[in-house]
């Protein structure tokens, strides 16, 4: 029971978002409990409004590879939801088995609109 209470008290920060055309890259600081438990990982939640993240993770399995106490965790969202002009909101939860922590802070990503190219002028 104590482990369950501690898990829900974990706090870590979604550090940054980098948005490119059709891609959002999230980075965050790993939980200190992550390295100690090989069945742990992170779920990424996304929404289209502030505070409106879905409770269903967008990652198919918990993000764990490369996340240790000395590195930064990353996840790249290049799903169909990442379209030019979209504003997306993300949170991350720490998971051990089927138990999830409270969400991290919320981070906002504005997906840029591509500039037109190939402009030509015809004139006399």
N, C-alpha and C. Protein backbone atom coordinates (compact mmCIF):
# COMPACT_ATOMS: atom_id res chain seq x y z
N UNK A 1 0.81 -1.19 0.00
CA UNK A 1 0.00 0.00 0.00
C UNK A 1 0.86 1.26 0.00
N UNK A 2 1.98 1.25 0.71
CA UNK A 2 2.84 2.43 0.77
C UNK A 2 3.37 2.77 -0.62
N UNK A 3 3.79 1.75 -1.39
CA UNK A 3 4.30 2.02 -2.73
C UNK A 3 3.24 2.70 -3.59
N UNK A 4 2.01 2.28 -3.47
CA UNK A 4 0.94 2.88 -4.26
C UNK A 4 0.76 4.35 -3.92
N UNK A 5 0.81 4.70 -2.66
CA UNK A 5 0.68 6.09 -2.25
C UNK A 5 1.85 6.91 -2.77
N UNK A 6 3.06 6.40 -2.66
CA UNK A 6 4.22 7.12 -3.17
C UNK A 6 4.14 7.32 -4.67
N UNK A 7 3.68 6.32 -5.39
CA UNK A 7 3.59 6.43 -6.84
C UNK A 7 2.69 7.60 -7.23
N UNK A 8 1.57 7.74 -6.56
CA UNK A 8 0.65 8.81 -6.90
C UNK A 8 1.18 10.18 -6.48
N UNK A 9 2.18 10.21 -5.63
CA UNK A 9 2.74 11.48 -5.19
C UNK A 9 3.92 11.93 -6.06
N UNK A 10 4.35 11.09 -7.01
CA UNK A 10 5.49 11.45 -7.84
C UNK A 10 5.22 12.72 -8.62
N UNK A 11 6.23 13.58 -8.69
CA UNK A 11 6.11 14.81 -9.47
C UNK A 11 7.33 14.89 -10.36
N UNK A 12 7.10 15.10 -11.63
CA UNK A 12 8.19 15.32 -12.57
C UNK A 12 7.69 16.27 -13.62
N UNK A 13 8.56 16.91 -14.35
CA UNK A 13 8.13 17.96 -15.26
C UNK A 13 8.28 17.62 -16.71
N UNK A 14 7.27 17.97 -17.47
CA UNK A 14 7.36 17.93 -18.91
C UNK A 14 8.18 19.14 -19.28
N UNK A 15 9.42 18.92 -19.70
CA UNK A 15 10.40 19.98 -19.83
C UNK A 15 10.19 20.83 -21.06
N UNK A 16 10.02 20.22 -22.21
CA UNK A 16 9.91 21.04 -23.41
C UNK A 16 9.18 20.31 -24.53
N UNK A 17 8.73 21.11 -25.46
CA UNK A 17 8.10 20.60 -26.66
C UNK A 17 8.74 21.29 -27.84
N UNK A 18 9.03 20.55 -28.87
CA UNK A 18 9.50 21.12 -30.12
C UNK A 18 8.52 20.69 -31.19
N UNK A 19 7.89 21.64 -31.83
CA UNK A 19 6.90 21.31 -32.85
C UNK A 19 7.46 21.63 -34.24
N UNK A 20 7.36 20.68 -35.11
CA UNK A 20 7.74 20.82 -36.50
C UNK A 20 6.53 20.43 -37.31
N UNK A 21 6.58 20.62 -38.62
CA UNK A 21 5.46 20.22 -39.45
C UNK A 21 5.20 18.73 -39.24
N UNK A 22 4.05 18.38 -38.73
CA UNK A 22 3.57 17.01 -38.53
C UNK A 22 4.35 16.21 -37.48
N UNK A 23 5.10 16.88 -36.59
CA UNK A 23 5.83 16.18 -35.53
C UNK A 23 5.93 17.07 -34.30
N UNK A 24 5.66 16.47 -33.12
CA UNK A 24 5.90 17.15 -31.85
C UNK A 24 6.81 16.24 -31.04
N UNK A 25 7.92 16.78 -30.55
CA UNK A 25 8.86 16.02 -29.75
C UNK A 25 8.76 16.50 -28.30
N UNK A 26 8.41 15.58 -27.39
CA UNK A 26 8.28 15.89 -25.98
C UNK A 26 9.51 15.40 -25.24
N UNK A 27 9.99 16.16 -24.27
CA UNK A 27 11.07 15.72 -23.39
C UNK A 27 10.68 16.02 -21.95
N UNK A 28 11.10 15.15 -21.04
CA UNK A 28 10.81 15.37 -19.62
C UNK A 28 11.87 14.71 -18.77
N UNK A 29 11.91 15.10 -17.52
CA UNK A 29 12.84 14.53 -16.55
C UNK A 29 12.26 13.22 -16.03
N UNK A 30 13.07 12.16 -15.98
CA UNK A 30 12.55 10.87 -15.53
C UNK A 30 12.28 10.85 -14.04
N UNK A 31 11.40 9.96 -13.64
CA UNK A 31 11.10 9.73 -12.23
C UNK A 31 12.27 9.01 -11.58
N UNK A 32 12.56 9.34 -10.34
CA UNK A 32 13.64 8.65 -9.63
C UNK A 32 13.29 7.18 -9.39
N UNK A 33 12.01 6.83 -9.43
CA UNK A 33 11.59 5.44 -9.25
C UNK A 33 11.69 4.62 -10.54
N UNK A 34 11.85 5.28 -11.66
CA UNK A 34 11.85 4.58 -12.95
C UNK A 34 12.97 3.59 -13.13
N UNK A 35 14.19 3.98 -12.75
CA UNK A 35 15.34 3.09 -12.94
C UNK A 35 15.29 1.89 -12.01
N UNK A 36 14.61 2.03 -10.88
CA UNK A 36 14.58 0.95 -9.90
C UNK A 36 13.57 -0.14 -10.24
N UNK A 37 12.68 0.11 -11.16
CA UNK A 37 11.64 -0.86 -11.47
C UNK A 37 11.58 -1.12 -12.97
N UNK A 38 12.02 -2.29 -13.42
CA UNK A 38 12.06 -2.58 -14.86
C UNK A 38 10.68 -2.70 -15.51
N UNK A 39 9.61 -2.78 -14.73
CA UNK A 39 8.27 -2.87 -15.32
C UNK A 39 7.61 -1.50 -15.41
N UNK A 40 8.39 -0.45 -15.14
CA UNK A 40 7.82 0.89 -15.16
C UNK A 40 8.01 1.54 -16.52
N UNK A 41 7.33 2.66 -16.69
CA UNK A 41 7.46 3.44 -17.91
C UNK A 41 6.61 4.68 -17.81
N UNK A 42 6.37 5.30 -18.95
CA UNK A 42 5.61 6.55 -19.01
C UNK A 42 4.55 6.46 -20.09
N UNK A 43 3.39 7.03 -19.81
CA UNK A 43 2.34 7.16 -20.82
C UNK A 43 2.19 8.63 -21.18
N UNK A 44 1.93 8.88 -22.45
CA UNK A 44 1.76 10.24 -22.96
C UNK A 44 0.29 10.45 -23.26
N UNK A 45 -0.25 11.54 -22.71
CA UNK A 45 -1.66 11.88 -22.91
C UNK A 45 -1.73 13.15 -23.74
N UNK A 46 -2.72 13.22 -24.65
CA UNK A 46 -2.83 14.38 -25.54
C UNK A 46 -4.27 14.85 -25.60
N UNK A 47 -4.43 16.17 -25.77
CA UNK A 47 -5.76 16.75 -25.94
C UNK A 47 -5.69 17.94 -26.89
N UNK A 48 -6.85 18.43 -27.28
CA UNK A 48 -6.91 19.58 -28.18
C UNK A 48 -7.35 20.85 -27.45
N UNK A 49 -7.53 20.75 -26.14
CA UNK A 49 -7.88 21.92 -25.32
C UNK A 49 -7.13 21.83 -24.01
N UNK A 50 -6.82 22.97 -23.43
CA UNK A 50 -6.13 22.99 -22.14
C UNK A 50 -6.94 22.22 -21.11
N UNK A 51 -6.29 21.29 -20.41
CA UNK A 51 -6.97 20.47 -19.41
C UNK A 51 -7.82 19.37 -20.00
N UNK A 52 -7.78 19.19 -21.31
CA UNK A 52 -8.64 18.21 -21.97
C UNK A 52 -7.93 16.98 -22.49
N UNK A 53 -6.80 16.62 -21.88
CA UNK A 53 -6.07 15.43 -22.33
C UNK A 53 -6.91 14.18 -22.09
N UNK A 54 -6.85 13.28 -23.06
CA UNK A 54 -7.55 12.01 -22.94
C UNK A 54 -6.89 11.16 -21.86
N UNK A 55 -7.66 10.31 -21.22
CA UNK A 55 -7.07 9.38 -20.24
C UNK A 55 -6.45 8.17 -20.93
N UNK A 56 -6.70 8.02 -22.23
CA UNK A 56 -6.12 6.92 -23.01
C UNK A 56 -4.78 7.38 -23.58
N UNK A 57 -3.69 6.68 -23.27
CA UNK A 57 -2.37 7.09 -23.77
C UNK A 57 -2.31 7.04 -25.30
N UNK A 58 -1.49 7.93 -25.87
CA UNK A 58 -1.30 7.90 -27.32
C UNK A 58 -0.18 6.95 -27.71
N UNK A 59 0.67 6.56 -26.75
CA UNK A 59 1.72 5.58 -27.03
C UNK A 59 1.14 4.18 -26.86
N UNK A 60 1.56 3.26 -27.72
CA UNK A 60 1.01 1.90 -27.69
C UNK A 60 1.54 1.07 -26.52
N UNK A 61 2.72 1.42 -26.02
CA UNK A 61 3.29 0.77 -24.84
C UNK A 61 4.06 1.83 -24.07
N UNK A 62 4.23 1.64 -22.76
CA UNK A 62 4.92 2.67 -21.97
C UNK A 62 6.31 3.00 -22.49
N UNK A 63 6.65 4.28 -22.48
CA UNK A 63 7.97 4.76 -22.89
C UNK A 63 8.92 4.43 -21.75
N UNK A 64 9.93 3.63 -22.02
CA UNK A 64 10.87 3.27 -20.96
C UNK A 64 12.31 3.27 -21.45
N UNK A 65 12.54 2.86 -22.67
CA UNK A 65 13.91 2.70 -23.17
C UNK A 65 14.68 4.02 -23.08
N UNK A 66 15.86 3.95 -22.46
CA UNK A 66 16.72 5.12 -22.39
C UNK A 66 16.37 6.08 -21.27
N UNK A 67 15.31 5.83 -20.54
CA UNK A 67 14.93 6.73 -19.43
C UNK A 67 15.56 6.22 -18.15
N UNK A 68 16.59 6.89 -17.70
CA UNK A 68 17.21 6.57 -16.41
C UNK A 68 17.34 7.87 -15.64
N UNK A 69 17.85 7.79 -14.46
CA UNK A 69 17.98 8.99 -13.63
C UNK A 69 18.99 10.00 -14.18
N UNK A 70 19.78 9.62 -15.15
CA UNK A 70 20.80 10.53 -15.68
C UNK A 70 20.49 11.01 -17.09
N UNK A 71 19.35 10.65 -17.64
CA UNK A 71 19.03 11.06 -19.00
C UNK A 71 17.69 11.79 -19.04
N UNK A 72 17.34 12.24 -20.21
CA UNK A 72 16.05 12.86 -20.44
C UNK A 72 15.20 11.90 -21.24
N UNK A 73 13.94 11.79 -20.89
CA UNK A 73 13.01 10.93 -21.62
C UNK A 73 12.43 11.72 -22.79
N UNK A 74 12.17 11.02 -23.89
CA UNK A 74 11.59 11.68 -25.06
C UNK A 74 10.50 10.81 -25.67
N UNK A 75 9.58 11.48 -26.34
CA UNK A 75 8.54 10.81 -27.12
C UNK A 75 8.24 11.70 -28.32
N UNK A 76 8.13 11.10 -29.49
CA UNK A 76 7.81 11.83 -30.71
C UNK A 76 6.40 11.49 -31.15
N UNK A 77 5.57 12.51 -31.25
CA UNK A 77 4.19 12.34 -31.73
C UNK A 77 4.13 12.79 -33.18
N UNK A 78 3.97 11.83 -34.07
CA UNK A 78 3.83 12.14 -35.49
C UNK A 78 2.55 11.51 -36.03
N UNK A 79 1.56 11.42 -35.15
CA UNK A 79 0.28 10.81 -35.51
C UNK A 79 -0.54 11.74 -36.41
N UNK A 80 -1.66 11.25 -36.85
CA UNK A 80 -2.55 12.02 -37.73
C UNK A 80 -3.10 13.27 -37.06
N UNK A 81 -3.06 13.33 -35.73
CA UNK A 81 -3.55 14.51 -35.01
C UNK A 81 -2.62 15.70 -35.12
N UNK A 82 -1.35 15.45 -35.46
CA UNK A 82 -0.36 16.53 -35.55
C UNK A 82 -0.41 17.10 -36.97
N UNK A 83 -1.27 18.09 -37.13
CA UNK A 83 -1.46 18.71 -38.45
C UNK A 83 -1.11 20.19 -38.36
N UNK A 84 -0.74 20.76 -39.48
CA UNK A 84 -0.37 22.17 -39.53
C UNK A 84 -1.48 23.04 -38.95
N UNK A 85 -1.10 23.94 -38.07
CA UNK A 85 -2.04 24.86 -37.47
C UNK A 85 -2.70 24.35 -36.20
N UNK A 86 -2.49 23.07 -35.87
CA UNK A 86 -3.12 22.50 -34.67
C UNK A 86 -2.42 22.99 -33.40
N UNK A 87 -3.19 23.12 -32.33
CA UNK A 87 -2.64 23.37 -31.01
C UNK A 87 -2.98 22.15 -30.18
N UNK A 88 -1.94 21.51 -29.64
CA UNK A 88 -2.11 20.27 -28.89
C UNK A 88 -1.56 20.45 -27.48
N UNK A 89 -2.14 19.73 -26.54
CA UNK A 89 -1.74 19.80 -25.14
C UNK A 89 -1.34 18.40 -24.69
N UNK A 90 -0.27 18.31 -23.92
CA UNK A 90 0.28 17.02 -23.51
C UNK A 90 0.52 16.96 -22.01
N UNK A 91 0.38 15.77 -21.45
CA UNK A 91 0.77 15.44 -20.09
C UNK A 91 1.42 14.05 -20.14
N UNK A 92 2.23 13.74 -19.13
CA UNK A 92 2.89 12.44 -19.04
C UNK A 92 2.58 11.86 -17.67
N UNK A 93 2.32 10.55 -17.63
CA UNK A 93 2.14 9.86 -16.35
C UNK A 93 3.19 8.77 -16.21
N UNK A 94 3.60 8.51 -14.99
CA UNK A 94 4.52 7.42 -14.68
C UNK A 94 3.68 6.20 -14.36
N UNK A 95 4.03 5.05 -14.91
CA UNK A 95 3.24 3.83 -14.68
C UNK A 95 4.13 2.69 -14.20
N UNK A 96 3.58 1.91 -13.29
CA UNK A 96 4.17 0.63 -12.89
C UNK A 96 3.03 -0.36 -13.02
N UNK A 97 3.15 -1.27 -13.97
CA UNK A 97 2.08 -2.22 -14.23
C UNK A 97 0.83 -1.47 -14.67
N UNK A 98 -0.26 -1.63 -13.94
CA UNK A 98 -1.51 -0.96 -14.30
C UNK A 98 -1.78 0.27 -13.43
N UNK A 99 -0.82 0.66 -12.58
CA UNK A 99 -1.00 1.81 -11.70
C UNK A 99 -0.32 3.03 -12.31
N UNK A 100 -1.05 4.15 -12.40
CA UNK A 100 -0.50 5.38 -12.97
C UNK A 100 -0.39 6.46 -11.91
N UNK A 101 0.61 7.32 -12.08
CA UNK A 101 0.75 8.48 -11.21
C UNK A 101 -0.21 9.57 -11.65
N UNK A 102 -0.25 10.63 -10.90
CA UNK A 102 -0.95 11.82 -11.35
C UNK A 102 -0.20 12.37 -12.56
N UNK A 103 -0.88 13.11 -13.43
CA UNK A 103 -0.20 13.65 -14.62
C UNK A 103 0.86 14.69 -14.26
N UNK A 104 1.82 14.84 -15.15
CA UNK A 104 2.82 15.90 -15.04
C UNK A 104 2.15 17.24 -15.29
N UNK A 105 2.94 18.28 -15.33
CA UNK A 105 2.42 19.56 -15.78
C UNK A 105 1.98 19.44 -17.23
N UNK A 106 1.15 20.34 -17.66
CA UNK A 106 0.67 20.34 -19.04
C UNK A 106 1.60 21.18 -19.90
N UNK A 107 1.86 20.72 -21.12
CA UNK A 107 2.67 21.47 -22.07
C UNK A 107 1.86 21.65 -23.36
N UNK A 108 2.01 22.82 -23.96
CA UNK A 108 1.25 23.19 -25.16
C UNK A 108 2.19 23.23 -26.35
N UNK A 109 1.73 22.68 -27.48
CA UNK A 109 2.51 22.71 -28.72
C UNK A 109 1.66 23.28 -29.84
N UNK A 110 2.19 24.29 -30.51
CA UNK A 110 1.54 24.83 -31.70
C UNK A 110 2.28 24.28 -32.91
N UNK A 111 1.58 23.54 -33.75
CA UNK A 111 2.21 22.95 -34.92
C UNK A 111 2.26 24.01 -36.02
N UNK A 112 3.45 24.33 -36.52
CA UNK A 112 3.56 25.41 -37.50
C UNK A 112 2.88 25.10 -38.83
N UNK A 113 2.47 26.16 -39.46
CA UNK A 113 1.90 26.06 -40.80
C UNK A 113 3.05 26.27 -41.78
N UNK A 114 3.18 25.39 -42.75
CA UNK A 114 4.26 25.48 -43.73
C UNK A 114 4.06 26.71 -44.62
N UNK A 115 5.14 27.39 -44.89
CA UNK A 115 5.09 28.55 -45.79
C UNK A 115 4.92 28.09 -47.22
N UNK A 116 4.23 28.88 -48.02
CA UNK A 116 4.12 28.52 -49.43
C UNK A 116 5.49 28.59 -50.10
N UNK A 117 5.66 27.80 -51.13
CA UNK A 117 6.93 27.82 -51.86
C UNK A 117 6.65 27.77 -53.35
N UNK A 118 7.67 28.01 -54.12
CA UNK A 118 7.54 27.94 -55.57
C UNK A 118 6.84 29.13 -56.19
N UNK A 119 6.88 30.27 -55.52
CA UNK A 119 6.20 31.48 -56.02
C UNK A 119 6.91 31.98 -57.27
N UNK A 120 6.16 32.21 -58.30
CA UNK A 120 6.70 32.81 -59.52
C UNK A 120 5.79 33.94 -59.95
N UNK A 121 6.35 34.87 -60.69
CA UNK A 121 5.58 36.00 -61.21
C UNK A 121 5.71 36.02 -62.72
N UNK A 122 4.59 36.26 -63.35
CA UNK A 122 4.60 36.40 -64.81
C UNK A 122 4.14 37.82 -65.13
N UNK A 123 4.89 38.49 -65.87
CA UNK A 123 4.50 39.87 -66.18
C UNK A 123 5.24 40.38 -67.42
N UNK A 124 4.80 41.52 -67.88
CA UNK A 124 5.44 42.15 -69.07
C UNK A 124 6.45 43.15 -68.65
